[in-house]
């Protein structure tokens, strides 16, 4: 039986990749995708910016019944796209099957680093 957990469209409006900082744990953002289905999830990512055209058609695949962490500071995770640091942006993800997606940010600009996660708006 095929699972139908999750949603196919996800938005995360508050992206701003922090600087890596000098701490052992480097500042970063991640998109974590859970595919609780029996087939591969094919996902298209779009990045929206304040002062430039969107970057569209970033392809991401998540194997069946697996989780995948996409590091926004790793161009290899984004098909070669480099996300500028300390620049406001938003993320849209569209999947061909329902998935669950979470966003996380580790900010080490201050000595007491901040880490938080949030679920996006989904349809």
PDB file of N, CA and C in Angstrom:
ATOM      1  N   UNK A   1       0.843  -1.181   0.000  1.00  0.00           N
ATOM      2  CA  UNK A   1       0.000   0.000   0.000  1.00  0.00           C
ATOM      3  C   UNK A   1       0.888   1.244   0.000  1.00  0.00           C
ATOM      4  N   UNK A   2       0.601   2.188  -0.886  1.00  0.00           N
ATOM      5  CA  UNK A   2       1.381   3.420  -0.975  1.00  0.00           C
ATOM      6  C   UNK A   2       0.971   4.406   0.112  1.00  0.00           C
ATOM      7  N   UNK A   3       1.978   5.009   0.751  1.00  0.00           N
ATOM      8  CA  UNK A   3       1.730   6.004   1.788  1.00  0.00           C
ATOM      9  C   UNK A   3       1.305   7.327   1.159  1.00  0.00           C
ATOM     10  N   UNK A   4       0.543   8.115   1.888  1.00  0.00           N
ATOM     11  CA  UNK A   4       0.142   9.446   1.442  1.00  0.00           C
ATOM     12  C   UNK A   4       0.420  10.475   2.524  1.00  0.00           C
ATOM     13  N   UNK A   5       1.460  10.256   3.325  1.00  0.00           N
ATOM     14  CA  UNK A   5       1.801  11.181   4.393  1.00  0.00           C
ATOM     15  C   UNK A   5       2.576  12.364   3.827  1.00  0.00           C
ATOM     16  N   UNK A   6       2.266  13.572   4.314  1.00  0.00           N
ATOM     17  CA  UNK A   6       2.975  14.763   3.880  1.00  0.00           C
ATOM     18  C   UNK A   6       2.172  15.587   2.902  1.00  0.00           C
ATOM     19  N   UNK A   7       2.850  16.533   2.281  1.00  0.00           N
ATOM     20  CA  UNK A   7       2.251  17.455   1.312  1.00  0.00           C
ATOM     21  C   UNK A   7       3.173  17.568   0.107  1.00  0.00           C
ATOM     22  N   UNK A   8       2.670  18.164  -0.970  1.00  0.00           N
ATOM     23  CA  UNK A   8       3.464  18.267  -2.197  1.00  0.00           C
ATOM     24  C   UNK A   8       4.064  19.644  -2.444  1.00  0.00           C
ATOM     25  N   UNK A   9       3.563  20.689  -1.784  1.00  0.00           N
ATOM     26  CA  UNK A   9       4.100  22.045  -1.951  1.00  0.00           C
ATOM     27  C   UNK A   9       4.446  22.598  -0.573  1.00  0.00           C
ATOM     28  N   UNK A  10       5.660  23.117  -0.446  1.00  0.00           N
ATOM     29  CA  UNK A  10       6.154  23.653   0.828  1.00  0.00           C
ATOM     30  C   UNK A  10       6.810  25.011   0.595  1.00  0.00           C
ATOM     31  N   UNK A  11       6.564  25.957   1.521  1.00  0.00           N
ATOM     32  CA  UNK A  11       7.181  27.284   1.481  1.00  0.00           C
ATOM     33  C   UNK A  11       7.893  27.566   2.796  1.00  0.00           C
ATOM     34  N   UNK A  12       9.072  28.186   2.696  1.00  0.00           N
ATOM     35  CA  UNK A  12       9.841  28.665   3.845  1.00  0.00           C
ATOM     36  C   UNK A  12      10.263  30.089   3.511  1.00  0.00           C
ATOM     37  N   UNK A  13       9.562  31.104   4.046  1.00  0.00           N
ATOM     38  CA  UNK A  13       9.805  32.475   3.628  1.00  0.00           C
ATOM     39  C   UNK A  13      11.006  33.159   4.273  1.00  0.00           C
ATOM     40  N   UNK A  14      11.582  32.615   5.343  1.00  0.00           N
ATOM     41  CA  UNK A  14      12.637  33.315   6.069  1.00  0.00           C
ATOM     42  C   UNK A  14      13.984  32.625   5.947  1.00  0.00           C
ATOM     43  N   UNK A  15      14.573  32.667   4.764  1.00  0.00           N
ATOM     44  CA  UNK A  15      15.921  32.165   4.591  1.00  0.00           C
ATOM     45  C   UNK A  15      16.916  33.303   4.677  1.00  0.00           C
ATOM     46  N   UNK A  16      18.006  33.069   5.380  1.00  0.00           N
ATOM     47  CA  UNK A  16      19.128  34.007   5.414  1.00  0.00           C
ATOM     48  C   UNK A  16      20.328  33.242   5.931  1.00  0.00           C
ATOM     49  N   UNK A  17      21.098  32.704   5.018  1.00  0.00           N
ATOM     50  CA  UNK A  17      22.231  31.856   5.350  1.00  0.00           C
ATOM     51  C   UNK A  17      23.240  32.644   6.188  1.00  0.00           C
ATOM     52  N   UNK A  18      23.453  32.246   7.459  1.00  0.00           N
ATOM     53  CA  UNK A  18      24.371  33.001   8.317  1.00  0.00           C
ATOM     54  C   UNK A  18      25.828  32.736   7.932  1.00  0.00           C
ATOM     55  N   UNK A  19      26.743  33.615   8.364  1.00  0.00           N
ATOM     56  CA  UNK A  19      28.161  33.348   8.124  1.00  0.00           C
ATOM     57  C   UNK A  19      28.583  32.100   8.898  1.00  0.00           C
ATOM     58  N   UNK A  20      29.638  31.419   8.441  1.00  0.00           N
ATOM     59  CA  UNK A  20      30.043  30.187   9.121  1.00  0.00           C
ATOM     60  C   UNK A  20      30.512  30.418  10.551  1.00  0.00           C
ATOM     61  N   UNK A  21      31.136  31.571  10.830  1.00  0.00           N
ATOM     62  CA  UNK A  21      31.609  31.857  12.186  1.00  0.00           C
ATOM     63  C   UNK A  21      32.868  31.100  12.522  1.00  0.00           C
ATOM     64  N   UNK A  22      33.340  31.296  13.751  1.00  0.00           N
ATOM     65  CA  UNK A  22      34.594  30.696  14.201  1.00  0.00           C
ATOM     66  C   UNK A  22      34.401  29.510  15.129  1.00  0.00           C
ATOM     67  N   UNK A  23      33.162  29.146  15.390  1.00  0.00           N
ATOM     68  CA  UNK A  23      32.870  28.036  16.296  1.00  0.00           C
ATOM     69  C   UNK A  23      33.120  26.699  15.594  1.00  0.00           C
ATOM     70  N   UNK A  24      33.335  25.620  16.362  1.00  0.00           N
ATOM     71  CA  UNK A  24      33.512  24.298  15.740  1.00  0.00           C
ATOM     72  C   UNK A  24      32.318  23.894  14.870  1.00  0.00           C
ATOM     73  N   UNK A  25      31.097  24.205  15.335  1.00  0.00           N
ATOM     74  CA  UNK A  25      29.917  23.973  14.507  1.00  0.00           C
ATOM     75  C   UNK A  25      29.698  25.211  13.656  1.00  0.00           C
ATOM     76  N   UNK A  26      29.772  25.088  12.354  1.00  0.00           N
ATOM     77  CA  UNK A  26      29.680  26.225  11.448  1.00  0.00           C
ATOM     78  C   UNK A  26      28.224  26.626  11.220  1.00  0.00           C
ATOM     79  N   UNK A  27      27.994  27.946  11.110  1.00  0.00           N
ATOM     80  CA  UNK A  27      26.662  28.456  10.827  1.00  0.00           C
ATOM     81  C   UNK A  27      26.169  27.937   9.483  1.00  0.00           C
ATOM     82  N   UNK A  28      24.903  27.527   9.448  1.00  0.00           N
ATOM     83  CA  UNK A  28      24.344  26.981   8.212  1.00  0.00           C
ATOM     84  C   UNK A  28      22.825  26.929   8.291  1.00  0.00           C
ATOM     85  N   UNK A  29      22.204  26.619   7.171  1.00  0.00           N
ATOM     86  CA  UNK A  29      20.781  26.312   7.090  1.00  0.00           C
ATOM     87  C   UNK A  29      20.637  24.971   6.389  1.00  0.00           C
ATOM     88  N   UNK A  30      19.569  24.269   6.729  1.00  0.00           N
ATOM     89  CA  UNK A  30      19.297  22.970   6.115  1.00  0.00           C
ATOM     90  C   UNK A  30      17.816  22.839   5.814  1.00  0.00           C
ATOM     91  N   UNK A  31      17.531  22.099   4.778  1.00  0.00           N
ATOM     92  CA  UNK A  31      16.178  21.649   4.474  1.00  0.00           C
ATOM     93  C   UNK A  31      16.216  20.138   4.647  1.00  0.00           C
ATOM     94  N   UNK A  32      15.370  19.616   5.527  1.00  0.00           N
ATOM     95  CA  UNK A  32      15.350  18.189   5.815  1.00  0.00           C
ATOM     96  C   UNK A  32      14.065  17.612   5.230  1.00  0.00           C
ATOM     97  N   UNK A  33      14.201  16.628   4.356  1.00  0.00           N
ATOM     98  CA  UNK A  33      13.059  16.057   3.633  1.00  0.00           C
ATOM     99  C   UNK A  33      12.892  14.597   4.021  1.00  0.00           C
ATOM    100  N   UNK A  34      11.688  14.248   4.478  1.00  0.00           N
ATOM    101  CA  UNK A  34      11.336  12.870   4.803  1.00  0.00           C
ATOM    102  C   UNK A  34      10.406  12.340   3.721  1.00  0.00           C
ATOM    103  N   UNK A  35      10.823  11.254   3.082  1.00  0.00           N
ATOM    104  CA  UNK A  35       9.997  10.573   2.090  1.00  0.00           C
ATOM    105  C   UNK A  35       9.528   9.251   2.695  1.00  0.00           C
ATOM    106  N   UNK A  36       8.309   9.233   3.203  1.00  0.00           N
ATOM    107  CA  UNK A  36       7.733   8.032   3.826  1.00  0.00           C
ATOM    108  C   UNK A  36       6.847   7.290   2.818  1.00  0.00           C
ATOM    109  N   UNK A  37       7.319   7.227   1.597  1.00  0.00           N
ATOM    110  CA  UNK A  37       6.578   6.582   0.512  1.00  0.00           C
ATOM    111  C   UNK A  37       7.390   5.433  -0.059  1.00  0.00           C
ATOM    112  N   UNK A  38       6.771   4.684  -0.934  1.00  0.00           N
ATOM    113  CA  UNK A  38       7.415   3.514  -1.542  1.00  0.00           C
ATOM    114  C   UNK A  38       8.100   3.831  -2.870  1.00  0.00           C
ATOM    115  N   UNK A  39       8.125   5.108  -3.288  1.00  0.00           N
ATOM    116  CA  UNK A  39       8.829   5.471  -4.519  1.00  0.00           C
ATOM    117  C   UNK A  39       9.629   6.752  -4.300  1.00  0.00           C
ATOM    118  N   UNK A  40      10.552   7.029  -5.204  1.00  0.00           N
ATOM    119  CA  UNK A  40      11.426   8.201  -5.113  1.00  0.00           C
ATOM    120  C   UNK A  40      10.588   9.473  -5.171  1.00  0.00           C
ATOM    121  N   UNK A  41      10.932  10.440  -4.334  1.00  0.00           N
ATOM    122  CA  UNK A  41      10.325  11.773  -4.385  1.00  0.00           C
ATOM    123  C   UNK A  41      11.208  12.658  -5.260  1.00  0.00           C
ATOM    124  N   UNK A  42      10.629  13.208  -6.315  1.00  0.00           N
ATOM    125  CA  UNK A  42      11.312  14.138  -7.212  1.00  0.00           C
ATOM    126  C   UNK A  42      10.839  15.539  -6.855  1.00  0.00           C
ATOM    127  N   UNK A  43      11.760  16.370  -6.412  1.00  0.00           N
ATOM    128  CA  UNK A  43      11.416  17.677  -5.861  1.00  0.00           C
ATOM    129  C   UNK A  43      12.118  18.765  -6.662  1.00  0.00           C
ATOM    130  N   UNK A  44      11.394  19.850  -6.927  1.00  0.00           N
ATOM    131  CA  UNK A  44      11.959  21.026  -7.583  1.00  0.00           C
ATOM    132  C   UNK A  44      11.972  22.171  -6.580  1.00  0.00           C
ATOM    133  N   UNK A  45      13.129  22.785  -6.408  1.00  0.00           N
ATOM    134  CA  UNK A  45      13.292  23.910  -5.477  1.00  0.00           C
ATOM    135  C   UNK A  45      13.416  25.207  -6.265  1.00  0.00           C
ATOM    136  N   UNK A  46      12.779  26.261  -5.743  1.00  0.00           N
ATOM    137  CA  UNK A  46      12.942  27.621  -6.251  1.00  0.00           C
ATOM    138  C   UNK A  46      13.379  28.503  -5.094  1.00  0.00           C
ATOM    139  N   UNK A  47      14.357  29.368  -5.346  1.00  0.00           N
ATOM    140  CA  UNK A  47      14.818  30.344  -4.359  1.00  0.00           C
ATOM    141  C   UNK A  47      14.389  31.731  -4.834  1.00  0.00           C
ATOM    142  N   UNK A  48      13.709  32.481  -3.971  1.00  0.00           N
ATOM    143  CA  UNK A  48      13.252  33.836  -4.273  1.00  0.00           C
ATOM    144  C   UNK A  48      14.099  34.832  -3.491  1.00  0.00           C
ATOM    145  N   UNK A  49      14.425  35.970  -4.122  1.00  0.00           N
ATOM    146  CA  UNK A  49      15.259  36.995  -3.500  1.00  0.00           C
ATOM    147  C   UNK A  49      14.549  38.346  -3.522  1.00  0.00           C
ATOM    148  N   UNK A  50      15.056  39.266  -2.732  1.00  0.00           N
ATOM    149  CA  UNK A  50      14.505  40.617  -2.655  1.00  0.00           C
ATOM    150  C   UNK A  50      14.809  41.421  -3.913  1.00  0.00           C
ATOM    151  N   UNK A  51      16.018  41.282  -4.437  1.00  0.00           N
ATOM    152  CA  UNK A  51      16.492  42.193  -5.476  1.00  0.00           C
ATOM    153  C   UNK A  51      17.007  41.512  -6.744  1.00  0.00           C
ATOM    154  N   UNK A  52      16.620  40.258  -6.957  1.00  0.00           N
ATOM    155  CA  UNK A  52      17.059  39.557  -8.171  1.00  0.00           C
ATOM    156  C   UNK A  52      16.041  38.498  -8.553  1.00  0.00           C
ATOM    157  N   UNK A  53      16.163  38.006  -9.773  1.00  0.00           N
ATOM    158  CA  UNK A  53      15.242  36.981 -10.251  1.00  0.00           C
ATOM    159  C   UNK A  53      15.425  35.684  -9.465  1.00  0.00           C
ATOM    160  N   UNK A  54      14.365  34.895  -9.368  1.00  0.00           N
ATOM    161  CA  UNK A  54      14.472  33.602  -8.657  1.00  0.00           C
ATOM    162  C   UNK A  54      15.449  32.653  -9.355  1.00  0.00           C
ATOM    163  N   UNK A  55      15.988  31.749  -8.570  1.00  0.00           N
ATOM    164  CA  UNK A  55      16.744  30.616  -9.112  1.00  0.00           C
ATOM    165  C   UNK A  55      15.769  29.449  -9.097  1.00  0.00           C
ATOM    166  N   UNK A  56      15.465  28.913 -10.270  1.00  0.00           N
ATOM    167  CA  UNK A  56      14.431  27.892 -10.392  1.00  0.00           C
ATOM    168  C   UNK A  56      15.018  26.550 -10.817  1.00  0.00           C
ATOM    169  N   UNK A  57      14.182  25.523 -10.697  1.00  0.00           N
ATOM    170  CA  UNK A  57      14.473  24.181 -11.203  1.00  0.00           C
ATOM    171  C   UNK A  57      15.713  23.524 -10.592  1.00  0.00           C
ATOM    172  N   UNK A  58      15.882  23.711  -9.278  1.00  0.00           N
ATOM    173  CA  UNK A  58      16.937  22.993  -8.560  1.00  0.00           C
ATOM    174  C   UNK A  58      16.357  21.615  -8.223  1.00  0.00           C
ATOM    175  N   UNK A  59      16.930  20.576  -8.789  1.00  0.00           N
ATOM    176  CA  UNK A  59      16.380  19.228  -8.652  1.00  0.00           C
ATOM    177  C   UNK A  59      16.943  18.517  -7.426  1.00  0.00           C
ATOM    178  N   UNK A  60      16.030  17.920  -6.665  1.00  0.00           N
ATOM    179  CA  UNK A  60      16.392  17.146  -5.477  1.00  0.00           C
ATOM    180  C   UNK A  60      15.609  15.839  -5.521  1.00  0.00           C
ATOM    181  N   UNK A  61      16.262  14.734  -5.254  1.00  0.00           N
ATOM    182  CA  UNK A  61      15.600  13.435  -5.167  1.00  0.00           C
ATOM    183  C   UNK A  61      15.815  12.853  -3.776  1.00  0.00           C
ATOM    184  N   UNK A  62      14.760  12.227  -3.252  1.00  0.00           N
ATOM    185  CA  UNK A  62      14.861  11.545  -1.963  1.00  0.00           C
ATOM    186  C   UNK A  62      14.377  10.116  -2.169  1.00  0.00           C
ATOM    187  N   UNK A  63      15.209   9.182  -1.820  1.00  0.00           N
ATOM    188  CA  UNK A  63      14.892   7.776  -2.003  1.00  0.00           C
ATOM    189  C   UNK A  63      13.677   7.364  -1.159  1.00  0.00           C
ATOM    190  N   UNK A  64      13.013   6.263  -1.538  1.00  0.00           N
ATOM    191  CA  UNK A  64      11.846   5.797  -0.772  1.00  0.00           C
ATOM    192  C   UNK A  64      12.190   5.496   0.684  1.00  0.00           C
ATOM    193  N   UNK A  65      11.303   5.922   1.581  1.00  0.00           N
ATOM    194  CA  UNK A  65      11.396   5.644   3.006  1.00  0.00           C
ATOM    195  C   UNK A  65      12.751   6.063   3.593  1.00  0.00           C
ATOM    196  N   UNK A  66      13.201   7.245   3.150  1.00  0.00           N
ATOM    197  CA  UNK A  66      14.479   7.806   3.599  1.00  0.00           C
ATOM    198  C   UNK A  66      14.298   9.277   3.961  1.00  0.00           C
ATOM    199  N   UNK A  67      15.300   9.804   4.655  1.00  0.00           N
ATOM    200  CA  UNK A  67      15.368  11.227   4.963  1.00  0.00           C
ATOM    201  C   UNK A  67      16.626  11.770   4.289  1.00  0.00           C
ATOM    202  N   UNK A  68      16.541  13.012   3.825  1.00  0.00           N
ATOM    203  CA  UNK A  68      17.697  13.650   3.190  1.00  0.00           C
ATOM    204  C   UNK A  68      17.838  15.067   3.715  1.00  0.00           C
ATOM    205  N   UNK A  69      19.055  15.422   4.100  1.00  0.00           N
ATOM    206  CA  UNK A  69      19.360  16.764   4.573  1.00  0.00           C
ATOM    207  C   UNK A  69      20.043  17.534   3.447  1.00  0.00           C
ATOM    208  N   UNK A  70      19.453  18.649   3.061  1.00  0.00           N
ATOM    209  CA  UNK A  70      20.010  19.522   2.027  1.00  0.00           C
ATOM    210  C   UNK A  70      20.642  20.713   2.735  1.00  0.00           C
ATOM    211  N   UNK A  71      21.956  20.815   2.693  1.00  0.00           N
ATOM    212  CA  UNK A  71      22.646  21.948   3.304  1.00  0.00           C
ATOM    213  C   UNK A  71      22.650  23.103   2.308  1.00  0.00           C
ATOM    214  N   UNK A  72      22.104  24.233   2.731  1.00  0.00           N
ATOM    215  CA  UNK A  72      21.988  25.391   1.848  1.00  0.00           C
ATOM    216  C   UNK A  72      23.342  26.052   1.593  1.00  0.00           C
ATOM    217  N   UNK A  73      24.376  25.681   2.346  1.00  0.00           N
ATOM    218  CA  UNK A  73      25.724  26.193   2.109  1.00  0.00           C
ATOM    219  C   UNK A  73      26.577  25.209   1.309  1.00  0.00           C
ATOM    220  N   UNK A  74      25.960  24.174   0.770  1.00  0.00           N
ATOM    221  CA  UNK A  74      26.694  23.160   0.016  1.00  0.00           C
ATOM    222  C   UNK A  74      26.178  23.113  -1.423  1.00  0.00           C
ATOM    223  N   UNK A  75      26.898  23.726  -2.362  1.00  0.00           N
ATOM    224  CA  UNK A  75      26.436  23.718  -3.762  1.00  0.00           C
ATOM    225  C   UNK A  75      26.213  22.313  -4.324  1.00  0.00           C
ATOM    226  N   UNK A  76      26.927  21.320  -3.813  1.00  0.00           N
ATOM    227  CA  UNK A  76      26.724  19.951  -4.298  1.00  0.00           C
ATOM    228  C   UNK A  76      25.317  19.445  -4.006  1.00  0.00           C
ATOM    229  N   UNK A  77      24.703  19.913  -2.907  1.00  0.00           N
ATOM    230  CA  UNK A  77      23.326  19.529  -2.580  1.00  0.00           C
ATOM    231  C   UNK A  77      22.302  20.251  -3.437  1.00  0.00           C
ATOM    232  N   UNK A  78      22.743  21.345  -4.107  1.00  0.00           N
ATOM    233  CA  UNK A  78      21.819  22.225  -4.831  1.00  0.00           C
ATOM    234  C   UNK A  78      22.123  22.289  -6.325  1.00  0.00           C
ATOM    235  N   UNK A  79      22.692  21.237  -6.861  1.00  0.00           N
ATOM    236  CA  UNK A  79      22.986  21.215  -8.295  1.00  0.00           C
ATOM    237  C   UNK A  79      23.954  22.298  -8.728  1.00  0.00           C
ATOM    238  N   UNK A  80      24.868  22.698  -7.835  1.00  0.00           N
ATOM    239  CA  UNK A  80      25.871  23.705  -8.155  1.00  0.00           C
ATOM    240  C   UNK A  80      25.482  25.130  -7.782  1.00  0.00           C
ATOM    241  N   UNK A  81      24.266  25.354  -7.326  1.00  0.00           N
ATOM    242  CA  UNK A  81      23.816  26.703  -6.951  1.00  0.00           C
ATOM    243  C   UNK A  81      24.510  27.136  -5.661  1.00  0.00           C
ATOM    244  N   UNK A  82      24.998  28.364  -5.648  1.00  0.00           N
ATOM    245  CA  UNK A  82      25.608  28.953  -4.462  1.00  0.00           C
ATOM    246  C   UNK A  82      24.623  29.962  -3.883  1.00  0.00           C
ATOM    247  N   UNK A  83      24.181  29.720  -2.659  1.00  0.00           N
ATOM    248  CA  UNK A  83      23.271  30.628  -1.970  1.00  0.00           C
ATOM    249  C   UNK A  83      24.121  31.695  -1.289  1.00  0.00           C
ATOM    250  N   UNK A  84      23.862  32.979  -1.569  1.00  0.00           N
ATOM    251  CA  UNK A  84      24.666  34.023  -0.923  1.00  0.00           C
ATOM    252  C   UNK A  84      24.385  34.104   0.575  1.00  0.00           C
ATOM    253  N   UNK A  85      25.419  34.299   1.357  1.00  0.00           N
ATOM    254  CA  UNK A  85      25.276  34.420   2.811  1.00  0.00           C
ATOM    255  C   UNK A  85      24.752  35.802   3.172  1.00  0.00           C
ATOM    256  N   UNK A  86      24.039  35.858   4.296  1.00  0.00           N
ATOM    257  CA  UNK A  86      23.502  37.102   4.851  1.00  0.00           C
ATOM    258  C   UNK A  86      22.659  37.871   3.826  1.00  0.00           C
ATOM    259  N   UNK A  87      21.895  37.133   3.041  1.00  0.00           N
ATOM    260  CA  UNK A  87      20.991  37.699   2.038  1.00  0.00           C
ATOM    261  C   UNK A  87      19.624  37.083   2.242  1.00  0.00           C
ATOM    262  N   UNK A  88      18.607  37.919   2.355  1.00  0.00           N
ATOM    263  CA  UNK A  88      17.241  37.424   2.558  1.00  0.00           C
ATOM    264  C   UNK A  88      16.768  36.662   1.323  1.00  0.00           C
ATOM    265  N   UNK A  89      16.198  35.486   1.552  1.00  0.00           N
ATOM    266  CA  UNK A  89      15.615  34.712   0.459  1.00  0.00           C
ATOM    267  C   UNK A  89      14.496  33.831   1.005  1.00  0.00           C
ATOM    268  N   UNK A  90      13.714  33.276   0.110  1.00  0.00           N
ATOM    269  CA  UNK A  90      12.632  32.357   0.473  1.00  0.00           C
ATOM    270  C   UNK A  90      12.769  31.108  -0.381  1.00  0.00           C
ATOM    271  N   UNK A  91      12.187  30.010   0.117  1.00  0.00           N
ATOM    272  CA  UNK A  91      12.306  28.712  -0.540  1.00  0.00           C
ATOM    273  C   UNK A  91      10.922  28.168  -0.854  1.00  0.00           C
ATOM    274  N   UNK A  92      10.769  27.638  -2.069  1.00  0.00           N
ATOM    275  CA  UNK A  92       9.572  26.892  -2.451  1.00  0.00           C
ATOM    276  C   UNK A  92      10.036  25.519  -2.922  1.00  0.00           C
ATOM    277  N   UNK A  93       9.374  24.467  -2.422  1.00  0.00           N
ATOM    278  CA  UNK A  93       9.670  23.104  -2.862  1.00  0.00           C
ATOM    279  C   UNK A  93       8.382  22.458  -3.349  1.00  0.00           C
ATOM    280  N   UNK A  94       8.450  21.834  -4.527  1.00  0.00           N
ATOM    281  CA  UNK A  94       7.299  21.144  -5.105  1.00  0.00           C
ATOM    282  C   UNK A  94       7.719  19.709  -5.381  1.00  0.00           C
ATOM    283  N   UNK A  95       6.995  18.768  -4.769  1.00  0.00           N
ATOM    284  CA  UNK A  95       7.306  17.349  -4.903  1.00  0.00           C
ATOM    285  C   UNK A  95       6.228  16.646  -5.731  1.00  0.00           C
ATOM    286  N   UNK A  96       6.634  15.605  -6.439  1.00  0.00           N
ATOM    287  CA  UNK A  96       5.656  14.839  -7.223  1.00  0.00           C
ATOM    288  C   UNK A  96       4.851  13.864  -6.357  1.00  0.00           C
ATOM    289  N   UNK A  97       5.284  13.652  -5.108  1.00  0.00           N
ATOM    290  CA  UNK A  97       4.528  12.841  -4.152  1.00  0.00           C
ATOM    291  C   UNK A  97       4.578  13.540  -2.789  1.00  0.00           C
ATOM    292  N   UNK A  98       3.674  13.232  -1.880  1.00  0.00           N
ATOM    293  CA  UNK A  98       3.684  13.895  -0.575  1.00  0.00           C
ATOM    294  C   UNK A  98       4.949  13.566   0.231  1.00  0.00           C
ATOM    295  N   UNK A  99       5.553  14.615   0.798  1.00  0.00           N
ATOM    296  CA  UNK A  99       6.718  14.493   1.664  1.00  0.00           C
ATOM    297  C   UNK A  99       6.529  15.424   2.863  1.00  0.00           C
ATOM    298  N   UNK A 100       7.377  15.250   3.872  1.00  0.00           N
ATOM    299  CA  UNK A 100       7.392  16.141   5.033  1.00  0.00           C
ATOM    300  C   UNK A 100       8.725  16.877   5.001  1.00  0.00           C
ATOM    301  N   UNK A 101       8.683  18.214   5.153  1.00  0.00           N
ATOM    302  CA  UNK A 101       9.901  19.019   5.051  1.00  0.00           C
ATOM    303  C   UNK A 101      10.018  19.943   6.260  1.00  0.00           C
ATOM    304  N   UNK A 102      11.231  20.023   6.786  1.00  0.00           N
ATOM    305  CA  UNK A 102      11.534  20.880   7.924  1.00  0.00           C
ATOM    306  C   UNK A 102      12.745  21.740   7.569  1.00  0.00           C
ATOM    307  N   UNK A 103      12.784  22.946   8.128  1.00  0.00           N
ATOM    308  CA  UNK A 103      13.877  23.896   7.912  1.00  0.00           C
ATOM    309  C   UNK A 103      14.627  24.097   9.222  1.00  0.00           C
ATOM    310  N   UNK A 104      15.943  24.203   9.161  1.00  0.00           N
ATOM    311  CA  UNK A 104      16.727  24.474  10.357  1.00  0.00           C
ATOM    312  C   UNK A 104      17.829  25.476  10.077  1.00  0.00           C
ATOM    313  N   UNK A 105      18.156  26.278  11.093  1.00  0.00           N
ATOM    314  CA  UNK A 105      19.251  27.251  10.975  1.00  0.00           C
ATOM    315  C   UNK A 105      20.108  27.201  12.238  1.00  0.00           C
ATOM    316  N   UNK A 106      21.423  27.159  12.034  1.00  0.00           N
ATOM    317  CA  UNK A 106      22.383  27.286  13.120  1.00  0.00           C
ATOM    318  C   UNK A 106      23.117  28.602  12.896  1.00  0.00           C
ATOM    319  N   UNK A 107      22.983  29.522  13.834  1.00  0.00           N
ATOM    320  CA  UNK A 107      23.606  30.845  13.726  1.00  0.00           C
ATOM    321  C   UNK A 107      24.646  30.983  14.829  1.00  0.00           C
ATOM    322  N   UNK A 108      25.911  31.156  14.446  1.00  0.00           N
ATOM    323  CA  UNK A 108      27.004  31.236  15.411  1.00  0.00           C
ATOM    324  C   UNK A 108      27.620  32.635  15.444  1.00  0.00           C
ATOM    325  N   UNK A 109      26.853  33.667  15.063  1.00  0.00           N
ATOM    326  CA  UNK A 109      27.394  35.036  15.077  1.00  0.00           C
ATOM    327  C   UNK A 109      27.678  35.525  16.488  1.00  0.00           C
ATOM    328  N   UNK A 110      27.015  34.968  17.480  1.00  0.00           N
ATOM    329  CA  UNK A 110      27.262  35.328  18.871  1.00  0.00           C
ATOM    330  C   UNK A 110      27.858  34.114  19.584  1.00  0.00           C
ATOM    331  N   UNK A 111      28.519  34.379  20.715  1.00  0.00           N
ATOM    332  CA  UNK A 111      29.158  33.290  21.465  1.00  0.00           C
ATOM    333  C   UNK A 111      28.156  32.216  21.869  1.00  0.00           C
ATOM    334  N   UNK A 112      26.956  32.623  22.238  1.00  0.00           N
ATOM    335  CA  UNK A 112      25.909  31.657  22.553  1.00  0.00           C
ATOM    336  C   UNK A 112      25.096  31.432  21.278  1.00  0.00           C
ATOM    337  N   UNK A 113      25.480  30.407  20.542  1.00  0.00           N
ATOM    338  CA  UNK A 113      24.859  30.170  19.243  1.00  0.00           C
ATOM    339  C   UNK A 113      23.381  29.857  19.372  1.00  0.00           C
ATOM    340  N   UNK A 114      22.667  30.080  18.279  1.00  0.00           N
ATOM    341  CA  UNK A 114      21.231  29.820  18.242  1.00  0.00           C
ATOM    342  C   UNK A 114      20.942  28.777  17.169  1.00  0.00           C
ATOM    343  N   UNK A 115      20.115  27.805  17.518  1.00  0.00           N
ATOM    344  CA  UNK A 115      19.674  26.798  16.553  1.00  0.00           C
ATOM    345  C   UNK A 115      18.168  26.692  16.654  1.00  0.00           C
ATOM    346  N   UNK A 116      17.510  26.723  15.508  1.00  0.00           N
ATOM    347  CA  UNK A 116      16.061  26.511  15.543  1.00  0.00           C
ATOM    348  C   UNK A 116      15.621  25.797  14.283  1.00  0.00           C
ATOM    349  N   UNK A 117      14.469  25.173  14.397  1.00  0.00           N
ATOM    350  CA  UNK A 117      13.847  24.504  13.265  1.00  0.00           C
ATOM    351  C   UNK A 117      12.398  24.947  13.188  1.00  0.00           C
ATOM    352  N   UNK A 118      11.825  24.790  12.010  1.00  0.00           N
ATOM    353  CA  UNK A 118      10.417  25.133  11.835  1.00  0.00           C
ATOM    354  C   UNK A 118       9.851  24.338  10.663  1.00  0.00           C
ATOM    355  N   UNK A 119       8.578  24.093  10.739  1.00  0.00           N
ATOM    356  CA  UNK A 119       7.873  23.495   9.611  1.00  0.00           C
ATOM    357  C   UNK A 119       7.407  24.628   8.703  1.00  0.00           C
ATOM    358  N   UNK A 120       7.328  24.379   7.437  1.00  0.00           N
ATOM    359  CA  UNK A 120       6.899  25.400   6.495  1.00  0.00           C
ATOM    360  C   UNK A 120       5.394  25.387   6.288  1.00  0.00           C
ATOM    361  N   UNK A 121       4.933  26.294   5.455  1.00  0.00           N
ATOM    362  CA  UNK A 121       3.554  26.314   5.014  1.00  0.00           C
ATOM    363  C   UNK A 121       3.433  25.268   3.913  1.00  0.00           C
ATOM    364  N   UNK A 122       2.457  24.381   4.032  1.00  0.00           N
ATOM    365  CA  UNK A 122       2.368  23.288   3.070  1.00  0.00           C
ATOM    366  C   UNK A 122       0.952  23.131   2.534  1.00  0.00           C
ATOM    367  N   UNK A 123       0.873  22.605   1.311  1.00  0.00           N
ATOM    368  CA  UNK A 123      -0.403  22.365   0.626  1.00  0.00           C
ATOM    369  C   UNK A 123      -0.427  20.955   0.050  1.00  0.00           C
TER     370      UNK A 123
END
